[in-house]
PDB file of N, CA and C in Angstrom:
ATOM      1  N   MET A   1       0.843  -1.102   0.036  1.00  0.00           N
ATOM      2  CA  MET A   1      -0.022   0.019  -0.040  1.00  0.00           C
ATOM      3  C   MET A   1       0.884   1.330  -0.039  1.00  0.00           C
ATOM      4  N   SER A   2       0.455   2.218  -0.707  1.00  0.00           N
ATOM      5  CA  SER A   2       1.284   3.378  -0.664  1.00  0.00           C
ATOM      6  C   SER A   2       1.099   4.343   0.429  1.00  0.00           C
ATOM      7  N   GLU A   3       2.104   5.176   0.649  1.00  0.00           N
ATOM      8  CA  GLU A   3       2.094   6.074   1.765  1.00  0.00           C
ATOM      9  C   GLU A   3       1.062   7.292   1.549  1.00  0.00           C
ATOM     10  N   ASN A   4       0.641   7.794   2.634  1.00  0.00           N
ATOM     11  CA  ASN A   4      -0.220   8.990   2.455  1.00  0.00           C
ATOM     12  C   ASN A   4       0.749  10.223   2.256  1.00  0.00           C
ATOM     13  N   LYS A   5       0.333  11.075   1.348  1.00  0.00           N
ATOM     14  CA  LYS A   5       1.114  12.235   1.063  1.00  0.00           C
ATOM     15  C   LYS A   5       0.199  13.454   1.217  1.00  0.00           C
ATOM     16  N   THR A   6       0.891  14.586   1.429  1.00  0.00           N
ATOM     17  CA  THR A   6       0.101  15.906   1.423  1.00  0.00           C
ATOM     18  C   THR A   6      -0.150  16.279   0.097  1.00  0.00           C
ATOM     19  N   LEU A   7      -1.098  17.305  -0.072  1.00  0.00           N
ATOM     20  CA  LEU A   7      -1.391  17.802  -1.417  1.00  0.00           C
ATOM     21  C   LEU A   7      -0.022  18.391  -1.918  1.00  0.00           C
ATOM     22  N   SER A   8       0.752  19.126  -1.175  1.00  0.00           N
ATOM     23  CA  SER A   8       1.975  19.688  -1.657  1.00  0.00           C
ATOM     24  C   SER A   8       2.859  18.518  -2.222  1.00  0.00           C
ATOM     25  N   GLU A   9       2.948  17.389  -1.555  1.00  0.00           N
ATOM     26  CA  GLU A   9       3.791  16.447  -1.890  1.00  0.00           C
ATOM     27  C   GLU A   9       3.256  15.771  -3.201  1.00  0.00           C
ATOM     28  N   LEU A  10       2.031  15.636  -3.400  1.00  0.00           N
ATOM     29  CA  LEU A  10       1.389  15.088  -4.523  1.00  0.00           C
ATOM     30  C   LEU A  10       1.679  16.122  -5.758  1.00  0.00           C
ATOM     31  N   GLN A  11       1.510  17.325  -5.472  1.00  0.00           N
ATOM     32  CA  GLN A  11       1.870  18.377  -6.541  1.00  0.00           C
ATOM     33  C   GLN A  11       3.241  18.180  -7.047  1.00  0.00           C
ATOM     34  N   LEU A  12       4.223  18.070  -6.245  1.00  0.00           N
ATOM     35  CA  LEU A  12       5.713  17.848  -6.406  1.00  0.00           C
ATOM     36  C   LEU A  12       5.818  16.575  -7.342  1.00  0.00           C
ATOM     37  N   GLU A  13       5.160  15.484  -6.794  1.00  0.00           N
ATOM     38  CA  GLU A  13       5.255  14.213  -7.598  1.00  0.00           C
ATOM     39  C   GLU A  13       4.821  14.389  -9.020  1.00  0.00           C
ATOM     40  N   VAL A  14       3.581  15.033  -9.175  1.00  0.00           N
ATOM     41  CA  VAL A  14       3.105  15.246 -10.529  1.00  0.00           C
ATOM     42  C   VAL A  14       3.970  16.045 -11.272  1.00  0.00           C
ATOM     43  N   ASP A  15       4.523  17.130 -10.710  1.00  0.00           N
ATOM     44  CA  ASP A  15       5.471  17.920 -11.390  1.00  0.00           C
ATOM     45  C   ASP A  15       6.731  17.270 -11.841  1.00  0.00           C
ATOM     46  N   ALA A  16       7.239  16.377 -11.009  1.00  0.00           N
ATOM     47  CA  ALA A  16       8.345  15.575 -11.484  1.00  0.00           C
ATOM     48  C   ALA A  16       8.112  14.794 -12.675  1.00  0.00           C
ATOM     49  N   TYR A  17       6.838  14.075 -12.711  1.00  0.00           N
ATOM     50  CA  TYR A  17       6.443  13.323 -13.746  1.00  0.00           C
ATOM     51  C   TYR A  17       6.260  14.095 -15.024  1.00  0.00           C
ATOM     52  N   ILE A  18       5.678  15.299 -15.007  1.00  0.00           N
ATOM     53  CA  ILE A  18       5.529  16.023 -16.076  1.00  0.00           C
ATOM     54  C   ILE A  18       6.732  16.631 -16.613  1.00  0.00           C
ATOM     55  N   SER A  19       7.633  17.026 -15.658  1.00  0.00           N
ATOM     56  CA  SER A  19       8.929  17.704 -16.052  1.00  0.00           C
ATOM     57  C   SER A  19       9.907  16.760 -16.806  1.00  0.00           C
ATOM     58  N   GLN A  20       9.633  15.517 -16.818  1.00  0.00           N
ATOM     59  CA  GLN A  20      10.563  14.632 -17.678  1.00  0.00           C
ATOM     60  C   GLN A  20      10.238  14.687 -19.121  1.00  0.00           C
ATOM     61  N   PHE A  21       9.099  15.322 -19.479  1.00  0.00           N
ATOM     62  CA  PHE A  21       8.737  15.422 -20.961  1.00  0.00           C
ATOM     63  C   PHE A  21       9.035  16.803 -21.443  1.00  0.00           C
ATOM     64  N   LYS A  22       9.541  16.800 -22.642  1.00  0.00           N
ATOM     65  CA  LYS A  22       9.943  18.146 -23.282  1.00  0.00           C
ATOM     66  C   LYS A  22       8.626  19.052 -23.428  1.00  0.00           C
ATOM     67  N   GLU A  23       7.524  18.435 -23.706  1.00  0.00           N
ATOM     68  CA  GLU A  23       6.328  19.121 -23.850  1.00  0.00           C
ATOM     69  C   GLU A  23       5.806  19.860 -22.602  1.00  0.00           C
ATOM     70  N   GLY A  24       6.170  19.309 -21.340  1.00  0.00           N
ATOM     71  CA  GLY A  24       5.787  19.924 -20.124  1.00  0.00           C
ATOM     72  C   GLY A  24       4.198  19.949 -20.037  1.00  0.00           C
ATOM     73  N   TYR A  25       3.673  21.002 -19.262  1.00  0.00           N
ATOM     74  CA  TYR A  25       2.337  21.083 -19.048  1.00  0.00           C
ATOM     75  C   TYR A  25       1.613  21.692 -20.249  1.00  0.00           C
ATOM     76  N   PHE A  26       0.420  21.280 -20.620  1.00  0.00           N
ATOM     77  CA  PHE A  26      -0.403  21.854 -21.539  1.00  0.00           C
ATOM     78  C   PHE A  26      -0.720  23.291 -21.223  1.00  0.00           C
ATOM     79  N   PRO A  27      -1.095  24.156 -22.283  1.00  0.00           N
ATOM     80  CA  PRO A  27      -1.651  25.453 -21.846  1.00  0.00           C
ATOM     81  C   PRO A  27      -2.824  25.371 -21.117  1.00  0.00           C
ATOM     82  N   PRO A  28      -3.232  26.428 -20.276  1.00  0.00           N
ATOM     83  CA  PRO A  28      -4.244  26.421 -19.447  1.00  0.00           C
ATOM     84  C   PRO A  28      -5.640  26.014 -19.960  1.00  0.00           C
ATOM     85  N   MET A  29      -5.891  26.492 -21.234  1.00  0.00           N
ATOM     86  CA  MET A  29      -7.199  26.102 -21.872  1.00  0.00           C
ATOM     87  C   MET A  29      -7.158  24.660 -22.293  1.00  0.00           C
ATOM     88  N   GLU A  30      -6.179  24.093 -22.575  1.00  0.00           N
ATOM     89  CA  GLU A  30      -6.147  22.735 -23.047  1.00  0.00           C
ATOM     90  C   GLU A  30      -6.213  21.937 -21.645  1.00  0.00           C
ATOM     91  N   LEU A  31      -5.645  22.243 -20.627  1.00  0.00           N
ATOM     92  CA  LEU A  31      -5.752  21.720 -19.327  1.00  0.00           C
ATOM     93  C   LEU A  31      -7.338  21.650 -18.781  1.00  0.00           C
ATOM     94  N   LEU A  32      -7.790  22.844 -19.030  1.00  0.00           N
ATOM     95  CA  LEU A  32      -9.292  23.013 -18.605  1.00  0.00           C
ATOM     96  C   LEU A  32     -10.178  22.121 -19.547  1.00  0.00           C
ATOM     97  N   ALA A  33      -9.859  21.858 -20.785  1.00  0.00           N
ATOM     98  CA  ALA A  33     -10.660  20.972 -21.641  1.00  0.00           C
ATOM     99  C   ALA A  33     -10.459  19.617 -21.194  1.00  0.00           C
ATOM    100  N   ARG A  34      -9.203  19.269 -20.815  1.00  0.00           N
ATOM    101  CA  ARG A  34      -9.114  17.905 -20.273  1.00  0.00           C
ATOM    102  C   ARG A  34      -9.755  17.703 -18.969  1.00  0.00           C
ATOM    103  N   LEU A  35      -9.755  18.742 -18.123  1.00  0.00           N
ATOM    104  CA  LEU A  35     -10.408  18.469 -16.766  1.00  0.00           C
ATOM    105  C   LEU A  35     -11.957  18.360 -17.015  1.00  0.00           C
ATOM    106  N   THR A  36     -12.457  19.083 -17.969  1.00  0.00           N
ATOM    107  CA  THR A  36     -13.858  18.943 -18.412  1.00  0.00           C
ATOM    108  C   THR A  36     -14.152  17.505 -18.969  1.00  0.00           C
ATOM    109  N   GLU A  37     -13.232  17.005 -19.667  1.00  0.00           N
ATOM    110  CA  GLU A  37     -13.287  15.696 -20.310  1.00  0.00           C
ATOM    111  C   GLU A  37     -13.354  14.674 -19.143  1.00  0.00           C
ATOM    112  N   GLU A  38     -12.536  14.796 -18.255  1.00  0.00           N
ATOM    113  CA  GLU A  38     -12.324  13.967 -17.153  1.00  0.00           C
ATOM    114  C   GLU A  38     -13.626  14.035 -16.171  1.00  0.00           C
ATOM    115  N   LEU A  39     -14.097  15.138 -15.982  1.00  0.00           N
ATOM    116  CA  LEU A  39     -15.343  15.351 -15.247  1.00  0.00           C
ATOM    117  C   LEU A  39     -16.520  14.764 -15.886  1.00  0.00           C
ATOM    118  N   GLY A  40     -16.491  14.795 -17.252  1.00  0.00           N
ATOM    119  CA  GLY A  40     -17.650  14.159 -17.918  1.00  0.00           C
ATOM    120  C   GLY A  40     -17.472  12.566 -17.841  1.00  0.00           C
ATOM    121  N   GLU A  41     -16.308  12.016 -17.816  1.00  0.00           N
ATOM    122  CA  GLU A  41     -16.118  10.614 -17.566  1.00  0.00           C
ATOM    123  C   GLU A  41     -16.597  10.268 -16.094  1.00  0.00           C
ATOM    124  N   LEU A  42     -16.222  10.983 -15.218  1.00  0.00           N
ATOM    125  CA  LEU A  42     -16.713  10.733 -13.753  1.00  0.00           C
ATOM    126  C   LEU A  42     -18.190  10.852 -13.694  1.00  0.00           C
ATOM    127  N   SER A  43     -18.753  11.975 -14.395  1.00  0.00           N
ATOM    128  CA  SER A  43     -20.213  12.099 -14.328  1.00  0.00           C
ATOM    129  C   SER A  43     -20.880  10.826 -14.959  1.00  0.00           C
ATOM    130  N   ARG A  44     -20.277  10.325 -16.008  1.00  0.00           N
ATOM    131  CA  ARG A  44     -20.971   9.105 -16.656  1.00  0.00           C
ATOM    132  C   ARG A  44     -21.011   7.988 -15.760  1.00  0.00           C
ATOM    133  N   GLU A  45     -19.812   7.770 -14.888  1.00  0.00           N
ATOM    134  CA  GLU A  45     -19.858   6.636 -14.080  1.00  0.00           C
ATOM    135  C   GLU A  45     -20.807   6.768 -12.932  1.00  0.00           C
ATOM    136  N   VAL A  46     -20.934   7.970 -12.377  1.00  0.00           N
ATOM    137  CA  VAL A  46     -21.854   8.206 -11.318  1.00  0.00           C
ATOM    138  C   VAL A  46     -23.299   7.968 -11.852  1.00  0.00           C
ATOM    139  N   GLN A  47     -23.571   8.517 -13.003  1.00  0.00           N
ATOM    140  CA  GLN A  47     -24.915   8.224 -13.684  1.00  0.00           C
ATOM    141  C   GLN A  47     -25.184   6.712 -13.930  1.00  0.00           C
ATOM    142  N   HIS A  48     -24.192   5.978 -14.228  1.00  0.00           N
ATOM    143  CA  HIS A  48     -24.262   4.551 -14.480  1.00  0.00           C
ATOM    144  C   HIS A  48     -24.560   3.880 -13.121  1.00  0.00           C
ATOM    145  N   LYS A  49     -23.913   4.347 -12.055  1.00  0.00           N
ATOM    146  CA  LYS A  49     -23.984   3.603 -10.808  1.00  0.00           C
ATOM    147  C   LYS A  49     -25.158   4.056  -9.996  1.00  0.00           C
ATOM    148  N   TYR A  50     -25.524   5.351 -10.101  1.00  0.00           N
ATOM    149  CA  TYR A  50     -26.630   5.862  -9.263  1.00  0.00           C
ATOM    150  C   TYR A  50     -27.857   6.406 -10.035  1.00  0.00           C
ATOM    151  N   GLY A  51     -27.636   6.607 -11.260  1.00  0.00           N
ATOM    152  CA  GLY A  51     -28.730   7.239 -12.014  1.00  0.00           C
ATOM    153  C   GLY A  51     -29.634   6.159 -12.728  1.00  0.00           C
ATOM    154  N   THR A  52     -30.529   6.686 -13.564  1.00  0.00           N
ATOM    155  CA  THR A  52     -31.291   5.801 -14.289  1.00  0.00           C
ATOM    156  C   THR A  52     -30.813   5.371 -15.549  1.00  0.00           C
ATOM    157  N   LYS A  53     -29.747   5.928 -16.046  1.00  0.00           N
ATOM    158  CA  LYS A  53     -29.175   5.420 -17.230  1.00  0.00           C
ATOM    159  C   LYS A  53     -28.024   4.454 -16.932  1.00  0.00           C
ATOM    160  N   LYS A  54     -28.315   3.173 -17.059  1.00  0.00           N
ATOM    161  CA  LYS A  54     -27.449   2.066 -16.726  1.00  0.00           C
ATOM    162  C   LYS A  54     -26.371   1.826 -17.870  1.00  0.00           C
ATOM    163  N   LYS A  55     -25.316   1.208 -17.548  1.00  0.00           N
ATOM    164  CA  LYS A  55     -24.376   0.834 -18.727  1.00  0.00           C
ATOM    165  C   LYS A  55     -25.034  -0.320 -19.614  1.00  0.00           C
ATOM    166  N   LYS A  56     -24.581  -0.264 -20.850  1.00  0.00           N
ATOM    167  CA  LYS A  56     -24.879  -1.307 -21.692  1.00  0.00           C
ATOM    168  C   LYS A  56     -24.075  -2.548 -21.360  1.00  0.00           C
ATOM    169  N   HIS A  57     -24.496  -3.614 -21.747  1.00  0.00           N
ATOM    170  CA  HIS A  57     -23.817  -4.856 -21.330  1.00  0.00           C
ATOM    171  C   HIS A  57     -22.205  -4.921 -21.977  1.00  0.00           C
ATOM    172  N   THR A  58     -22.186  -4.135 -23.159  1.00  0.00           N
ATOM    173  CA  THR A  58     -20.975  -4.214 -23.872  1.00  0.00           C
ATOM    174  C   THR A  58     -20.001  -3.138 -23.306  1.00  0.00           C
ATOM    175  N   GLU A  59     -20.455  -2.223 -22.344  1.00  0.00           N
ATOM    176  CA  GLU A  59     -19.542  -1.208 -21.825  1.00  0.00           C
ATOM    177  C   GLU A  59     -18.672  -1.770 -20.694  1.00  0.00           C
ATOM    178  N   VAL A  60     -17.375  -1.291 -20.638  1.00  0.00           N
ATOM    179  CA  VAL A  60     -16.534  -1.764 -19.622  1.00  0.00           C
ATOM    180  C   VAL A  60     -16.857  -0.996 -18.367  1.00  0.00           C
ATOM    181  N   GLU A  61     -16.891  -1.735 -17.208  1.00  0.00           N
ATOM    182  CA  GLU A  61     -17.231  -1.223 -15.945  1.00  0.00           C
ATOM    183  C   GLU A  61     -15.902  -0.439 -15.315  1.00  0.00           C
ATOM    184  N   LYS A  62     -15.997   0.834 -14.978  1.00  0.00           N
ATOM    185  CA  LYS A  62     -15.016   1.492 -14.474  1.00  0.00           C
ATOM    186  C   LYS A  62     -15.132   1.912 -13.061  1.00  0.00           C
ATOM    187  N   GLU A  63     -14.171   2.149 -12.353  1.00  0.00           N
ATOM    188  CA  GLU A  63     -14.353   2.456 -10.867  1.00  0.00           C
ATOM    189  C   GLU A  63     -14.388   4.012 -10.702  1.00  0.00           C
ATOM    190  N   LEU A  64     -15.332   4.495  -9.830  1.00  0.00           N
ATOM    191  CA  LEU A  64     -15.410   5.865  -9.479  1.00  0.00           C
ATOM    192  C   LEU A  64     -14.012   6.377  -8.965  1.00  0.00           C
ATOM    193  N   ALA A  65     -13.383   5.603  -8.226  1.00  0.00           N
ATOM    194  CA  ALA A  65     -12.086   6.016  -7.692  1.00  0.00           C
ATOM    195  C   ALA A  65     -11.008   6.312  -8.755  1.00  0.00           C
ATOM    196  N   ASP A  66     -11.061   5.453  -9.800  1.00  0.00           N
ATOM    197  CA  ASP A  66     -10.174   5.815 -10.908  1.00  0.00           C
ATOM    198  C   ASP A  66     -10.505   6.941 -11.779  1.00  0.00           C
ATOM    199  N   GLU A  67     -11.873   7.135 -11.949  1.00  0.00           N
ATOM    200  CA  GLU A  67     -12.223   8.585 -12.617  1.00  0.00           C
ATOM    201  C   GLU A  67     -11.822   9.699 -11.734  1.00  0.00           C
ATOM    202  N   LEU A  68     -12.144   9.604 -10.410  1.00  0.00           N
ATOM    203  CA  LEU A  68     -11.732  10.743  -9.517  1.00  0.00           C
ATOM    204  C   LEU A  68     -10.226  10.935  -9.609  1.00  0.00           C
ATOM    205  N   GLY A  69      -9.399   9.828  -9.632  1.00  0.00           N
ATOM    206  CA  GLY A  69      -7.944  10.027  -9.801  1.00  0.00           C
ATOM    207  C   GLY A  69      -7.530  10.704 -11.075  1.00  0.00           C
ATOM    208  N   ASP A  70      -8.107  10.346 -12.002  1.00  0.00           N
ATOM    209  CA  ASP A  70      -7.875  10.994 -13.394  1.00  0.00           C
ATOM    210  C   ASP A  70      -8.206  12.362 -13.361  1.00  0.00           C
ATOM    211  N   PHE A  71      -9.329  12.788 -12.746  1.00  0.00           N
ATOM    212  CA  PHE A  71      -9.764  14.124 -12.543  1.00  0.00           C
ATOM    213  C   PHE A  71      -8.705  14.939 -11.728  1.00  0.00           C
ATOM    214  N   PHE A  72      -8.358  14.342 -10.660  1.00  0.00           N
ATOM    215  CA  PHE A  72      -7.538  14.933  -9.634  1.00  0.00           C
ATOM    216  C   PHE A  72      -6.127  15.197 -10.259  1.00  0.00           C
ATOM    217  N   PHE A  73      -5.732  14.263 -11.077  1.00  0.00           N
ATOM    218  CA  PHE A  73      -4.399  14.394 -11.754  1.00  0.00           C
ATOM    219  C   PHE A  73      -4.371  15.663 -12.571  1.00  0.00           C
ATOM    220  N   VAL A  74      -5.291  15.808 -13.334  1.00  0.00           N
ATOM    221  CA  VAL A  74      -5.519  16.983 -14.326  1.00  0.00           C
ATOM    222  C   VAL A  74      -5.608  18.248 -13.555  1.00  0.00           C
ATOM    223  N   LEU A  75      -6.338  18.178 -12.443  1.00  0.00           N
ATOM    224  CA  LEU A  75      -6.459  19.304 -11.612  1.00  0.00           C
ATOM    225  C   LEU A  75      -5.136  19.720 -11.072  1.00  0.00           C
ATOM    226  N   ILE A  76      -4.476  18.711 -10.610  1.00  0.00           N
ATOM    227  CA  ILE A  76      -3.130  19.081 -10.141  1.00  0.00           C
ATOM    228  C   ILE A  76      -2.198  19.722 -11.180  1.00  0.00           C
ATOM    229  N   CYS A  77      -2.271  19.114 -12.461  1.00  0.00           N
ATOM    230  CA  CYS A  77      -1.561  19.695 -13.545  1.00  0.00           C
ATOM    231  C   CYS A  77      -1.864  21.208 -13.812  1.00  0.00           C
ATOM    232  N   LEU A  78      -3.137  21.471 -13.710  1.00  0.00           N
ATOM    233  CA  LEU A  78      -3.561  22.830 -13.964  1.00  0.00           C
ATOM    234  C   LEU A  78      -3.052  23.807 -12.816  1.00  0.00           C
ATOM    235  N   ALA A  79      -3.163  23.299 -11.619  1.00  0.00           N
ATOM    236  CA  ALA A  79      -2.639  24.140 -10.442  1.00  0.00           C
ATOM    237  C   ALA A  79      -1.185  24.293 -10.587  1.00  0.00           C
ATOM    238  N   ASN A  80      -0.415  23.287 -10.953  1.00  0.00           N
ATOM    239  CA  ASN A  80       1.013  23.406 -11.048  1.00  0.00           C
ATOM    240  C   ASN A  80       1.337  24.304 -12.162  1.00  0.00           C
ATOM    241  N   ALA A  81       0.758  24.194 -13.341  1.00  0.00           N
ATOM    242  CA  ALA A  81       0.956  25.134 -14.419  1.00  0.00           C
ATOM    243  C   ALA A  81       0.851  26.490 -14.167  1.00  0.00           C
ATOM    244  N   GLU A  82      -0.153  26.804 -13.151  1.00  0.00           N
ATOM    245  CA  GLU A  82      -0.468  28.171 -12.871  1.00  0.00           C
ATOM    246  C   GLU A  82       0.199  28.584 -11.607  1.00  0.00           C
ATOM    247  N   GLY A  83       1.042  27.750 -10.865  1.00  0.00           N
ATOM    248  CA  GLY A  83       1.835  28.060  -9.666  1.00  0.00           C
ATOM    249  C   GLY A  83       0.916  28.175  -8.545  1.00  0.00           C
ATOM    250  N   ILE A  84      -0.215  27.444  -8.571  1.00  0.00           N
ATOM    251  CA  ILE A  84      -1.108  27.324  -7.392  1.00  0.00           C
ATOM    252  C   ILE A  84      -0.946  26.337  -6.438  1.00  0.00           C
ATOM    253  N   ASP A  85      -0.727  26.612  -5.115  1.00  0.00           N
ATOM    254  CA  ASP A  85      -0.546  25.614  -4.053  1.00  0.00           C
ATOM    255  C   ASP A  85      -1.942  25.118  -3.667  1.00  0.00           C
ATOM    256  N   LEU A  86      -2.274  23.902  -4.070  1.00  0.00           N
ATOM    257  CA  LEU A  86      -3.651  23.411  -3.744  1.00  0.00           C
ATOM    258  C   LEU A  86      -3.923  23.192  -2.353  1.00  0.00           C
ATOM    259  N   GLN A  87      -2.927  22.829  -1.604  1.00  0.00           N
ATOM    260  CA  GLN A  87      -3.074  22.696  -0.152  1.00  0.00           C
ATOM    261  C   GLN A  87      -3.406  23.910   0.469  1.00  0.00           C
ATOM    262  N   GLN A  88      -2.767  25.043   0.164  1.00  0.00           N
ATOM    263  CA  GLN A  88      -3.199  26.329   0.707  1.00  0.00           C
ATOM    264  C   GLN A  88      -4.590  26.836   0.261  1.00  0.00           C
ATOM    265  N   SER A  89      -4.875  26.538  -1.115  1.00  0.00           N
ATOM    266  CA  SER A  89      -6.254  26.890  -1.634  1.00  0.00           C
ATOM    267  C   SER A  89      -7.220  26.153  -0.870  1.00  0.00           C
ATOM    268  N   LEU A  90      -7.098  24.798  -0.649  1.00  0.00           N
ATOM    269  CA  LEU A  90      -8.030  24.096   0.064  1.00  0.00           C
ATOM    270  C   LEU A  90      -8.293  24.656   1.440  1.00  0.00           C
ATOM    271  N   GLN A  91      -7.056  25.045   2.109  1.00  0.00           N
ATOM    272  CA  GLN A  91      -7.096  25.464   3.514  1.00  0.00           C
ATOM    273  C   GLN A  91      -7.969  26.857   3.627  1.00  0.00           C
ATOM    274  N   ASN A  92      -7.681  27.560   2.571  1.00  0.00           N
ATOM    275  CA  ASN A  92      -8.532  28.770   2.406  1.00  0.00           C
ATOM    276  C   ASN A  92      -9.963  28.576   2.290  1.00  0.00           C
ATOM    277  N   VAL A  93     -10.320  27.677   1.433  1.00  0.00           N
ATOM    278  CA  VAL A  93     -11.774  27.502   1.156  1.00  0.00           C
ATOM    279  C   VAL A  93     -12.342  26.768   2.479  1.00  0.00           C
ATOM    280  N   LEU A  94     -11.714  25.832   3.202  1.00  0.00           N
ATOM    281  CA  LEU A  94     -12.180  25.302   4.427  1.00  0.00           C
ATOM    282  C   LEU A  94     -12.425  26.509   5.533  1.00  0.00           C
ATOM    283  N   HIS A  95     -11.545  27.462   5.447  1.00  0.00           N
ATOM    284  CA  HIS A  95     -11.754  28.551   6.499  1.00  0.00           C
ATOM    285  C   HIS A  95     -13.005  29.370   6.054  1.00  0.00           C
ATOM    286  N   LYS A  96     -13.208  29.507   4.851  1.00  0.00           N
ATOM    287  CA  LYS A  96     -14.384  30.221   4.314  1.00  0.00           C
ATOM    288  C   LYS A  96     -15.635  29.492   4.745  1.00  0.00           C
ATOM    289  N   TYR A  97     -15.711  28.112   4.531  1.00  0.00           N
ATOM    290  CA  TYR A  97     -16.815  27.352   4.859  1.00  0.00           C
ATOM    291  C   TYR A  97     -17.051  27.307   6.449  1.00  0.00           C
ATOM    292  N   ASN A  98     -15.883  27.298   7.200  1.00  0.00           N
ATOM    293  CA  ASN A  98     -16.065  27.281   8.647  1.00  0.00           C
ATOM    294  C   ASN A  98     -16.403  28.637   9.236  1.00  0.00           C
ATOM    295  N   THR A  99     -16.297  29.612   8.497  1.00  0.00           N
ATOM    296  CA  THR A  99     -16.559  31.034   8.997  1.00  0.00           C
ATOM    297  C   THR A  99     -17.866  31.443   8.305  1.00  0.00           C
ATOM    298  N   ARG A 100     -17.900  31.825   7.027  1.00  0.00           N
ATOM    299  CA  ARG A 100     -19.020  32.421   6.407  1.00  0.00           C
ATOM    300  C   ARG A 100     -20.236  31.530   6.327  1.00  0.00           C
ATOM    301  N   ASP A 101     -19.934  30.205   6.199  1.00  0.00           N
ATOM    302  CA  ASP A 101     -21.058  29.157   6.016  1.00  0.00           C
ATOM    303  C   ASP A 101     -21.333  28.311   7.284  1.00  0.00           C
ATOM    304  N   LYS A 102     -20.797  28.663   8.325  1.00  0.00           N
ATOM    305  CA  LYS A 102     -20.812  27.890   9.626  1.00  0.00           C
ATOM    306  C   LYS A 102     -22.260  27.719  10.054  1.00  0.00           C
ATOM    307  N   ASP A 103     -23.111  28.593   9.794  1.00  0.00           N
ATOM    308  CA  ASP A 103     -24.557  28.348  10.184  1.00  0.00           C
ATOM    309  C   ASP A 103     -25.541  28.097   9.027  1.00  0.00           C
ATOM    310  N   ARG A 104     -25.011  27.782   7.987  1.00  0.00           N
ATOM    311  CA  ARG A 104     -25.836  27.682   6.705  1.00  0.00           C
ATOM    312  C   ARG A 104     -26.660  26.318   6.757  1.00  0.00           C
ATOM    313  N   TRP A 105     -26.065  25.295   7.373  1.00  0.00           N
ATOM    314  CA  TRP A 105     -26.717  23.985   7.191  1.00  0.00           C
ATOM    315  C   TRP A 105     -27.148  23.663   8.676  1.00  0.00           C
ATOM    316  N   THR A 106     -28.127  22.705   8.756  1.00  0.00           N
ATOM    317  CA  THR A 106     -28.629  22.219  10.042  1.00  0.00           C
ATOM    318  C   THR A 106     -27.519  21.153  10.547  1.00  0.00           C
ATOM    319  N   LYS A 107     -27.010  21.548  11.791  1.00  0.00           N
ATOM    320  CA  LYS A 107     -25.967  20.622  12.279  1.00  0.00           C
ATOM    321  C   LYS A 107     -26.583  19.509  12.994  1.00  0.00           C
ATOM    322  N   LYS A 108     -26.040  18.387  12.982  1.00  0.00           N
ATOM    323  CA  LYS A 108     -26.405  17.108  13.772  1.00  0.00           C
ATOM    324  C   LYS A 108     -26.362  17.395  15.251  1.00  0.00           C
ATOM    325  N   GLU A 109     -27.223  16.702  15.951  1.00  0.00           N
ATOM    326  CA  GLU A 109     -27.236  16.869  17.385  1.00  0.00           C
ATOM    327  C   GLU A 109     -26.140  15.712  17.883  1.00  0.00           C
ATOM    328  N   ASP A 110     -25.605  16.078  18.902  1.00  0.00           N
ATOM    329  CA  ASP A 110     -24.621  15.025  19.464  1.00  0.00           C
ATOM    330  C   ASP A 110     -25.318  14.032  20.135  1.00  0.00           C
TER     331      ASP A 110
END
C-alpha cells in the first residue's frame, strides 16, 4: 500500500512526472478542456452507478475512484501550471466554509 502524502507532496510528484517530458504542461485552456473531459467521464460513471441510465452490457465497468484519480491528476496539472498551491487553496476554502457558512446548514445533534 502506498504512503499518505500531502497535497503539496502530490503536486511535487506530478510536477516531477510532467517535467521529464519536453512538452511539459499543456496550456491552461487545454488543461481546462482535459479537466472537463475527465469530469464528463466521472459524471458518466456516477450516472451509471446511481442514475437511471445504466451501462450497456458491452460497456466496460470503471471504478469511480479511478475516474476521480484521473480528474484529480489533471486538476493538479492545472494548479502546477498556474503556480497554485492546492493545499493552501483548500485550507482557504475550508476557512471560508467554517466562518462564512458555519450556520448555513442544520447541524447534527450530539
